[in-house]
Amino acid sequence: MEAMDALSLPFANVVVKNLFLRDDKKRNYYLVVMPEDKPANLKALRAALGARPLRFASEEDLQGILGLRGGAVSPFGVLNDTEGKVQVVLDAALRDWPAVGVHPNDNTATLRVPLSDLLALFEDRAVPYRFVATSEASAQ
């Protein structure tokens, strides 16, 4: 994220970070999309999702499920999830954003994508997604 900040992108205010998480039993996988500057509180996120304890998924899972390598996690990665294992979780703060800055499954570029287009893509491909207010969730 620091390297991207150094680029002074004209749309830096809409850049998001993406976390590929799984529960402790490897039954549920989540691609969490949140504002780049928001701290990730896995306990609060777990409570908001009603999930089992969360962990970062392994590089092996990232490659095997999303076809991505570390540092290139992107909402577009769910298009590679042929088994439908991954749920997209968008931070509720993003609901009001006109666009998001994301990698095109490669961390050498960043695209500004209208949020409505990204959600329409998920709907077209039957990718489950939901908005979660992680800042309002109480940590367990």
N, C-alpha and C. Protein backbone atom coordinates (compact mmCIF):
# COMPACT_ATOMS: atom_id res chain seq x y z
N MET A 1 0.82 -1.18 0.00
CA MET A 1 0.00 0.00 0.00
C MET A 1 0.87 1.26 0.00
N GLU A 2 2.03 1.20 0.69
CA GLU A 2 2.91 2.37 0.71
C GLU A 2 3.43 2.70 -0.68
N ALA A 3 3.77 1.65 -1.46
CA ALA A 3 4.27 1.88 -2.82
C ALA A 3 3.20 2.52 -3.68
N MET A 4 1.94 2.14 -3.49
CA MET A 4 0.87 2.73 -4.27
C MET A 4 0.66 4.18 -3.86
N ASP A 5 0.76 4.47 -2.57
CA ASP A 5 0.63 5.85 -2.10
C ASP A 5 1.68 6.75 -2.74
N ALA A 6 2.87 6.22 -2.94
CA ALA A 6 3.96 7.00 -3.53
C ALA A 6 3.68 7.39 -4.98
N LEU A 7 2.76 6.68 -5.64
CA LEU A 7 2.44 6.98 -7.03
C LEU A 7 1.57 8.21 -7.20
N SER A 8 0.95 8.67 -6.14
CA SER A 8 0.05 9.83 -6.18
C SER A 8 -1.00 9.69 -7.27
N LEU A 9 -1.73 8.59 -7.23
CA LEU A 9 -2.80 8.35 -8.21
C LEU A 9 -3.87 9.43 -8.09
N PRO A 10 -4.45 9.85 -9.22
CA PRO A 10 -5.48 10.89 -9.16
C PRO A 10 -6.75 10.41 -8.45
N PHE A 11 -6.91 9.12 -8.30
CA PHE A 11 -8.09 8.58 -7.61
C PHE A 11 -7.68 7.84 -6.33
N ALA A 12 -6.61 8.29 -5.72
CA ALA A 12 -6.09 7.63 -4.53
C ALA A 12 -7.12 7.58 -3.40
N ASN A 13 -8.06 8.50 -3.39
CA ASN A 13 -9.06 8.53 -2.33
C ASN A 13 -10.08 7.40 -2.43
N VAL A 14 -10.08 6.62 -3.52
CA VAL A 14 -11.02 5.51 -3.65
C VAL A 14 -10.31 4.15 -3.73
N VAL A 15 -9.02 4.13 -3.45
CA VAL A 15 -8.27 2.87 -3.48
C VAL A 15 -8.69 2.02 -2.27
N VAL A 16 -8.91 0.73 -2.52
CA VAL A 16 -9.31 -0.18 -1.45
C VAL A 16 -8.22 -1.22 -1.21
N LYS A 17 -8.30 -1.86 -0.05
CA LYS A 17 -7.45 -3.02 0.20
C LYS A 17 -8.35 -4.23 0.21
N ASN A 18 -7.77 -5.36 -0.14
CA ASN A 18 -8.51 -6.60 -0.28
C ASN A 18 -7.83 -7.67 0.56
N LEU A 19 -8.61 -8.32 1.40
CA LEU A 19 -8.09 -9.35 2.29
C LEU A 19 -8.76 -10.67 1.94
N PHE A 20 -7.96 -11.70 1.76
CA PHE A 20 -8.51 -13.03 1.49
C PHE A 20 -8.44 -13.82 2.78
N LEU A 21 -9.60 -14.07 3.37
CA LEU A 21 -9.70 -14.71 4.67
C LEU A 21 -10.45 -16.03 4.59
N ARG A 22 -10.27 -16.83 5.62
CA ARG A 22 -11.01 -18.08 5.74
C ARG A 22 -11.35 -18.28 7.21
N ASP A 23 -12.34 -19.14 7.46
CA ASP A 23 -12.61 -19.46 8.85
C ASP A 23 -11.64 -20.55 9.31
N ASP A 24 -11.66 -20.82 10.59
CA ASP A 24 -10.68 -21.75 11.16
C ASP A 24 -10.86 -23.20 10.70
N LYS A 25 -12.00 -23.51 10.11
CA LYS A 25 -12.24 -24.87 9.62
C LYS A 25 -12.10 -24.99 8.10
N LYS A 26 -11.71 -23.90 7.44
CA LYS A 26 -11.57 -23.85 5.98
C LYS A 26 -12.88 -24.22 5.28
N ARG A 27 -13.99 -23.84 5.89
CA ARG A 27 -15.30 -24.10 5.29
C ARG A 27 -15.80 -22.88 4.54
N ASN A 28 -15.44 -21.69 5.01
CA ASN A 28 -15.91 -20.45 4.40
C ASN A 28 -14.73 -19.55 4.09
N TYR A 29 -14.76 -19.00 2.89
CA TYR A 29 -13.72 -18.08 2.43
C TYR A 29 -14.36 -16.74 2.14
N TYR A 30 -13.65 -15.67 2.46
CA TYR A 30 -14.17 -14.32 2.29
C TYR A 30 -13.13 -13.45 1.60
N LEU A 31 -13.58 -12.69 0.64
CA LEU A 31 -12.74 -11.66 0.04
C LEU A 31 -13.28 -10.34 0.57
N VAL A 32 -12.56 -9.74 1.48
CA VAL A 32 -13.00 -8.53 2.15
C VAL A 32 -12.42 -7.31 1.44
N VAL A 33 -13.30 -6.40 1.06
CA VAL A 33 -12.92 -5.17 0.36
C VAL A 33 -13.24 -4.01 1.29
N MET A 34 -12.21 -3.22 1.60
CA MET A 34 -12.42 -2.13 2.55
C MET A 34 -11.55 -0.93 2.21
N PRO A 35 -11.91 0.24 2.74
CA PRO A 35 -11.07 1.42 2.48
C PRO A 35 -9.62 1.14 2.85
N GLU A 36 -8.75 1.62 2.02
CA GLU A 36 -7.31 1.37 2.16
C GLU A 36 -6.77 1.80 3.52
N ASP A 37 -7.32 2.86 4.08
CA ASP A 37 -6.79 3.39 5.33
C ASP A 37 -7.50 2.88 6.58
N LYS A 38 -8.45 1.97 6.42
CA LYS A 38 -9.19 1.45 7.57
C LYS A 38 -8.47 0.22 8.14
N PRO A 39 -8.25 0.20 9.45
CA PRO A 39 -7.62 -0.97 10.04
C PRO A 39 -8.53 -2.20 9.94
N ALA A 40 -7.94 -3.34 9.74
CA ALA A 40 -8.70 -4.59 9.64
C ALA A 40 -8.78 -5.22 11.03
N ASN A 41 -9.98 -5.28 11.57
CA ASN A 41 -10.22 -5.88 12.88
C ASN A 41 -10.93 -7.21 12.64
N LEU A 42 -10.17 -8.31 12.66
CA LEU A 42 -10.75 -9.61 12.33
C LEU A 42 -11.79 -10.07 13.36
N LYS A 43 -11.63 -9.68 14.61
CA LYS A 43 -12.63 -10.06 15.62
C LYS A 43 -13.95 -9.34 15.35
N ALA A 44 -13.89 -8.06 15.03
CA ALA A 44 -15.11 -7.32 14.72
C ALA A 44 -15.74 -7.84 13.43
N LEU A 45 -14.92 -8.16 12.46
CA LEU A 45 -15.42 -8.70 11.20
C LEU A 45 -16.09 -10.05 11.43
N ARG A 46 -15.47 -10.86 12.25
CA ARG A 46 -16.07 -12.17 12.58
C ARG A 46 -17.46 -11.97 13.18
N ALA A 47 -17.58 -11.04 14.12
CA ALA A 47 -18.87 -10.78 14.76
C ALA A 47 -19.89 -10.28 13.73
N ALA A 48 -19.48 -9.39 12.86
CA ALA A 48 -20.39 -8.83 11.86
C ALA A 48 -20.86 -9.90 10.87
N LEU A 49 -20.01 -10.86 10.58
CA LEU A 49 -20.36 -11.93 9.64
C LEU A 49 -21.08 -13.09 10.31
N GLY A 50 -20.98 -13.16 11.63
CA GLY A 50 -21.51 -14.33 12.33
C GLY A 50 -20.72 -15.57 11.97
N ALA A 51 -19.42 -15.39 11.83
CA ALA A 51 -18.53 -16.45 11.34
C ALA A 51 -17.74 -17.08 12.48
N ARG A 52 -17.12 -18.19 12.16
CA ARG A 52 -16.14 -18.81 13.05
C ARG A 52 -14.90 -17.92 13.07
N PRO A 53 -13.92 -18.19 13.93
CA PRO A 53 -12.70 -17.38 13.95
C PRO A 53 -12.07 -17.27 12.55
N LEU A 54 -11.62 -16.08 12.23
CA LEU A 54 -11.07 -15.80 10.90
C LEU A 54 -9.55 -15.76 10.92
N ARG A 55 -8.98 -16.20 9.79
CA ARG A 55 -7.54 -16.16 9.57
C ARG A 55 -7.29 -15.75 8.12
N PHE A 56 -6.09 -15.29 7.86
CA PHE A 56 -5.72 -15.03 6.48
C PHE A 56 -5.56 -16.37 5.78
N ALA A 57 -6.10 -16.48 4.59
CA ALA A 57 -5.95 -17.71 3.81
C ALA A 57 -4.50 -17.84 3.37
N SER A 58 -4.08 -19.06 3.12
CA SER A 58 -2.70 -19.32 2.73
C SER A 58 -2.46 -18.92 1.28
N GLU A 59 -1.18 -18.79 0.94
CA GLU A 59 -0.80 -18.54 -0.46
C GLU A 59 -1.33 -19.66 -1.35
N GLU A 60 -1.30 -20.88 -0.82
CA GLU A 60 -1.79 -22.04 -1.56
C GLU A 60 -3.29 -21.90 -1.87
N ASP A 61 -4.08 -21.49 -0.88
CA ASP A 61 -5.51 -21.28 -1.10
C ASP A 61 -5.74 -20.11 -2.06
N LEU A 62 -4.97 -19.07 -1.90
CA LEU A 62 -5.10 -17.90 -2.78
C LEU A 62 -4.88 -18.30 -4.23
N GLN A 63 -3.84 -19.08 -4.48
CA GLN A 63 -3.54 -19.53 -5.83
C GLN A 63 -4.57 -20.55 -6.31
N GLY A 64 -4.91 -21.50 -5.46
CA GLY A 64 -5.80 -22.58 -5.86
C GLY A 64 -7.24 -22.15 -6.08
N ILE A 65 -7.73 -21.21 -5.29
CA ILE A 65 -9.13 -20.80 -5.38
C ILE A 65 -9.31 -19.59 -6.29
N LEU A 66 -8.46 -18.58 -6.12
CA LEU A 66 -8.62 -17.34 -6.89
C LEU A 66 -7.63 -17.20 -8.04
N GLY A 67 -6.65 -18.10 -8.10
CA GLY A 67 -5.66 -18.01 -9.17
C GLY A 67 -4.78 -16.78 -9.06
N LEU A 68 -4.58 -16.30 -7.83
CA LEU A 68 -3.80 -15.08 -7.61
C LEU A 68 -2.60 -15.36 -6.73
N ARG A 69 -1.66 -14.43 -6.74
CA ARG A 69 -0.52 -14.52 -5.84
C ARG A 69 -0.64 -13.39 -4.82
N GLY A 70 0.09 -13.50 -3.74
CA GLY A 70 0.07 -12.47 -2.71
C GLY A 70 0.39 -11.11 -3.28
N GLY A 71 -0.29 -10.09 -2.78
CA GLY A 71 -0.09 -8.72 -3.25
C GLY A 71 -0.95 -8.36 -4.43
N ALA A 72 -1.61 -9.34 -5.04
CA ALA A 72 -2.45 -9.07 -6.22
C ALA A 72 -3.91 -9.41 -5.94
N VAL A 73 -4.30 -9.51 -4.68
CA VAL A 73 -5.69 -9.83 -4.35
C VAL A 73 -6.58 -8.70 -4.82
N SER A 74 -7.67 -9.09 -5.46
CA SER A 74 -8.57 -8.13 -6.10
C SER A 74 -9.98 -8.69 -6.12
N PRO A 75 -10.99 -7.83 -6.10
CA PRO A 75 -12.36 -8.32 -6.25
C PRO A 75 -12.55 -9.10 -7.56
N PHE A 76 -11.77 -8.80 -8.57
CA PHE A 76 -11.88 -9.53 -9.83
C PHE A 76 -11.42 -10.99 -9.69
N GLY A 77 -10.66 -11.29 -8.65
CA GLY A 77 -10.20 -12.65 -8.42
C GLY A 77 -11.33 -13.64 -8.23
N VAL A 78 -12.47 -13.18 -7.72
CA VAL A 78 -13.58 -14.12 -7.51
C VAL A 78 -14.12 -14.68 -8.82
N LEU A 79 -13.80 -14.05 -9.94
CA LEU A 79 -14.22 -14.57 -11.24
C LEU A 79 -13.50 -15.87 -11.56
N ASN A 80 -12.37 -16.12 -10.89
CA ASN A 80 -11.62 -17.38 -11.07
C ASN A 80 -12.10 -18.48 -10.13
N ASP A 81 -13.00 -18.17 -9.23
CA ASP A 81 -13.50 -19.13 -8.24
C ASP A 81 -14.59 -19.99 -8.87
N THR A 82 -14.18 -21.02 -9.57
CA THR A 82 -15.13 -21.85 -10.33
C THR A 82 -16.04 -22.69 -9.44
N GLU A 83 -15.63 -22.89 -8.18
CA GLU A 83 -16.45 -23.70 -7.27
C GLU A 83 -17.38 -22.86 -6.40
N GLY A 84 -17.30 -21.53 -6.51
CA GLY A 84 -18.17 -20.67 -5.72
C GLY A 84 -17.92 -20.74 -4.22
N LYS A 85 -16.66 -20.86 -3.83
CA LYS A 85 -16.30 -20.98 -2.43
C LYS A 85 -16.24 -19.63 -1.69
N VAL A 86 -16.06 -18.55 -2.45
CA VAL A 86 -15.74 -17.26 -1.84
C VAL A 86 -16.93 -16.32 -1.82
N GLN A 87 -17.14 -15.70 -0.66
CA GLN A 87 -18.13 -14.64 -0.52
C GLN A 87 -17.39 -13.31 -0.52
N VAL A 88 -17.91 -12.34 -1.23
CA VAL A 88 -17.32 -11.01 -1.21
C VAL A 88 -18.00 -10.22 -0.10
N VAL A 89 -17.17 -9.61 0.74
CA VAL A 89 -17.66 -8.79 1.84
C VAL A 89 -17.13 -7.38 1.61
N LEU A 90 -18.04 -6.45 1.41
CA LEU A 90 -17.66 -5.06 1.19
C LEU A 90 -17.95 -4.26 2.46
N ASP A 91 -16.98 -3.47 2.88
CA ASP A 91 -17.19 -2.62 4.03
C ASP A 91 -18.35 -1.66 3.72
N ALA A 92 -19.24 -1.49 4.68
CA ALA A 92 -20.42 -0.65 4.47
C ALA A 92 -20.06 0.78 4.07
N ALA A 93 -18.89 1.25 4.46
CA ALA A 93 -18.46 2.60 4.09
C ALA A 93 -18.35 2.76 2.58
N LEU A 94 -18.12 1.67 1.87
CA LEU A 94 -17.96 1.73 0.41
C LEU A 94 -19.28 1.94 -0.32
N ARG A 95 -20.39 1.70 0.35
CA ARG A 95 -21.71 1.82 -0.28
C ARG A 95 -21.91 3.20 -0.91
N ASP A 96 -21.32 4.22 -0.31
CA ASP A 96 -21.48 5.59 -0.81
C ASP A 96 -20.37 6.03 -1.76
N TRP A 97 -19.43 5.16 -2.04
CA TRP A 97 -18.33 5.52 -2.94
C TRP A 97 -18.81 5.39 -4.39
N PRO A 98 -18.49 6.35 -5.22
CA PRO A 98 -18.89 6.23 -6.63
C PRO A 98 -18.05 5.20 -7.38
N ALA A 99 -16.83 4.97 -6.92
CA ALA A 99 -15.91 4.05 -7.60
C ALA A 99 -14.93 3.50 -6.59
N VAL A 100 -14.22 2.44 -7.00
CA VAL A 100 -13.16 1.86 -6.18
C VAL A 100 -11.92 1.68 -7.04
N GLY A 101 -10.77 1.84 -6.43
CA GLY A 101 -9.50 1.60 -7.11
C GLY A 101 -9.00 0.22 -6.75
N VAL A 102 -8.92 -0.68 -7.74
CA VAL A 102 -8.55 -2.07 -7.51
C VAL A 102 -7.52 -2.54 -8.53
N HIS A 103 -6.80 -3.59 -8.16
CA HIS A 103 -5.89 -4.24 -9.10
C HIS A 103 -6.69 -5.08 -10.09
N PRO A 104 -6.23 -5.18 -11.32
CA PRO A 104 -6.86 -6.09 -12.29
C PRO A 104 -6.26 -7.49 -12.20
N ASN A 105 -6.20 -8.05 -10.98
CA ASN A 105 -5.58 -9.36 -10.70
C ASN A 105 -4.08 -9.36 -10.93
N ASP A 106 -3.49 -8.19 -10.92
CA ASP A 106 -2.05 -8.01 -11.10
C ASP A 106 -1.70 -6.73 -10.36
N ASN A 107 -0.73 -6.78 -9.48
CA ASN A 107 -0.46 -5.59 -8.67
C ASN A 107 0.44 -4.55 -9.35
N THR A 108 0.62 -4.65 -10.65
CA THR A 108 1.40 -3.63 -11.35
C THR A 108 0.51 -2.55 -11.94
N ALA A 109 -0.79 -2.66 -11.71
CA ALA A 109 -1.72 -1.66 -12.23
C ALA A 109 -2.88 -1.49 -11.25
N THR A 110 -3.52 -0.34 -11.31
CA THR A 110 -4.71 -0.08 -10.51
C THR A 110 -5.74 0.57 -11.41
N LEU A 111 -6.96 0.06 -11.33
CA LEU A 111 -8.06 0.58 -12.14
C LEU A 111 -9.07 1.28 -11.26
N ARG A 112 -9.65 2.35 -11.78
CA ARG A 112 -10.77 3.01 -11.10
C ARG A 112 -12.04 2.44 -11.73
N VAL A 113 -12.83 1.71 -10.94
CA VAL A 113 -14.01 1.01 -11.45
C VAL A 113 -15.24 1.55 -10.72
N PRO A 114 -16.27 1.98 -11.46
CA PRO A 114 -17.50 2.39 -10.78
C PRO A 114 -18.02 1.25 -9.91
N LEU A 115 -18.37 1.56 -8.68
CA LEU A 115 -18.84 0.52 -7.76
C LEU A 115 -20.07 -0.18 -8.34
N SER A 116 -20.94 0.56 -8.97
CA SER A 116 -22.14 -0.06 -9.54
C SER A 116 -21.78 -1.09 -10.61
N ASP A 117 -20.72 -0.84 -11.37
CA ASP A 117 -20.28 -1.81 -12.39
C ASP A 117 -19.71 -3.06 -11.74
N LEU A 118 -18.95 -2.89 -10.67
CA LEU A 118 -18.38 -4.03 -9.98
C LEU A 118 -19.50 -4.91 -9.40
N LEU A 119 -20.50 -4.28 -8.78
CA LEU A 119 -21.61 -5.04 -8.21
C LEU A 119 -22.43 -5.72 -9.31
N ALA A 120 -22.61 -5.04 -10.43
CA ALA A 120 -23.33 -5.65 -11.56
C ALA A 120 -22.57 -6.87 -12.09
N LEU A 121 -21.25 -6.80 -12.10
CA LEU A 121 -20.43 -7.95 -12.53
C LEU A 121 -20.64 -9.13 -11.57
N PHE A 122 -20.63 -8.85 -10.27
CA PHE A 122 -20.88 -9.91 -9.29
C PHE A 122 -22.26 -10.53 -9.52
N GLU A 123 -23.25 -9.70 -9.71
CA GLU A 123 -24.60 -10.21 -9.92
C GLU A 123 -24.69 -11.03 -11.20
N ASP A 124 -24.06 -10.56 -12.26
CA ASP A 124 -24.07 -11.26 -13.54
C ASP A 124 -23.44 -12.65 -13.42
N ARG A 125 -22.40 -12.75 -12.60
CA ARG A 125 -21.67 -14.02 -12.43
C ARG A 125 -22.13 -14.81 -11.21
N ALA A 126 -23.22 -14.36 -10.57
CA ALA A 126 -23.78 -15.02 -9.39
C ALA A 126 -22.76 -15.15 -8.26
N VAL A 127 -21.95 -14.12 -8.07
CA VAL A 127 -20.97 -14.08 -6.98
C VAL A 127 -21.68 -13.49 -5.77
N PRO A 128 -21.76 -14.25 -4.67
CA PRO A 128 -22.42 -13.69 -3.48
C PRO A 128 -21.60 -12.56 -2.88
N TYR A 129 -22.30 -11.48 -2.55
CA TYR A 129 -21.63 -10.35 -1.90
C TYR A 129 -22.59 -9.72 -0.91
N ARG A 130 -22.00 -9.02 0.05
CA ARG A 130 -22.80 -8.27 1.01
C ARG A 130 -21.97 -7.14 1.59
N PHE A 131 -22.69 -6.13 2.04
CA PHE A 131 -22.05 -5.02 2.74
C PHE A 131 -22.14 -5.29 4.23
N VAL A 132 -21.04 -5.04 4.95
CA VAL A 132 -20.99 -5.26 6.39
C VAL A 132 -20.40 -4.03 7.06
N ALA A 133 -21.07 -3.58 8.09
CA ALA A 133 -20.59 -2.43 8.86
C ALA A 133 -19.65 -2.93 9.94
N THR A 134 -18.39 -3.11 9.59
CA THR A 134 -17.44 -3.68 10.55
C THR A 134 -17.15 -2.72 11.70
N SER A 135 -17.23 -1.44 11.46
CA SER A 135 -16.92 -0.48 12.55
C SER A 135 -17.99 -0.48 13.62
N GLU A 136 -19.19 -0.97 13.30
CA GLU A 136 -20.27 -1.02 14.29
C GLU A 136 -20.35 -2.38 14.98
N ALA A 137 -19.55 -3.32 14.52
CA ALA A 137 -19.60 -4.65 15.11
C ALA A 137 -18.82 -4.65 16.42
N SER A 138 -19.34 -5.35 17.40
CA SER A 138 -18.61 -5.46 18.65
C SER A 138 -17.68 -6.66 18.58
N ALA A 139 -16.47 -6.48 19.05
CA ALA A 139 -15.50 -7.58 19.03
C ALA A 139 -15.91 -8.65 20.03
N GLN A 140 -15.68 -9.92 19.67
CA GLN A 140 -16.00 -11.02 20.57
C GLN A 140 -14.76 -11.42 21.33
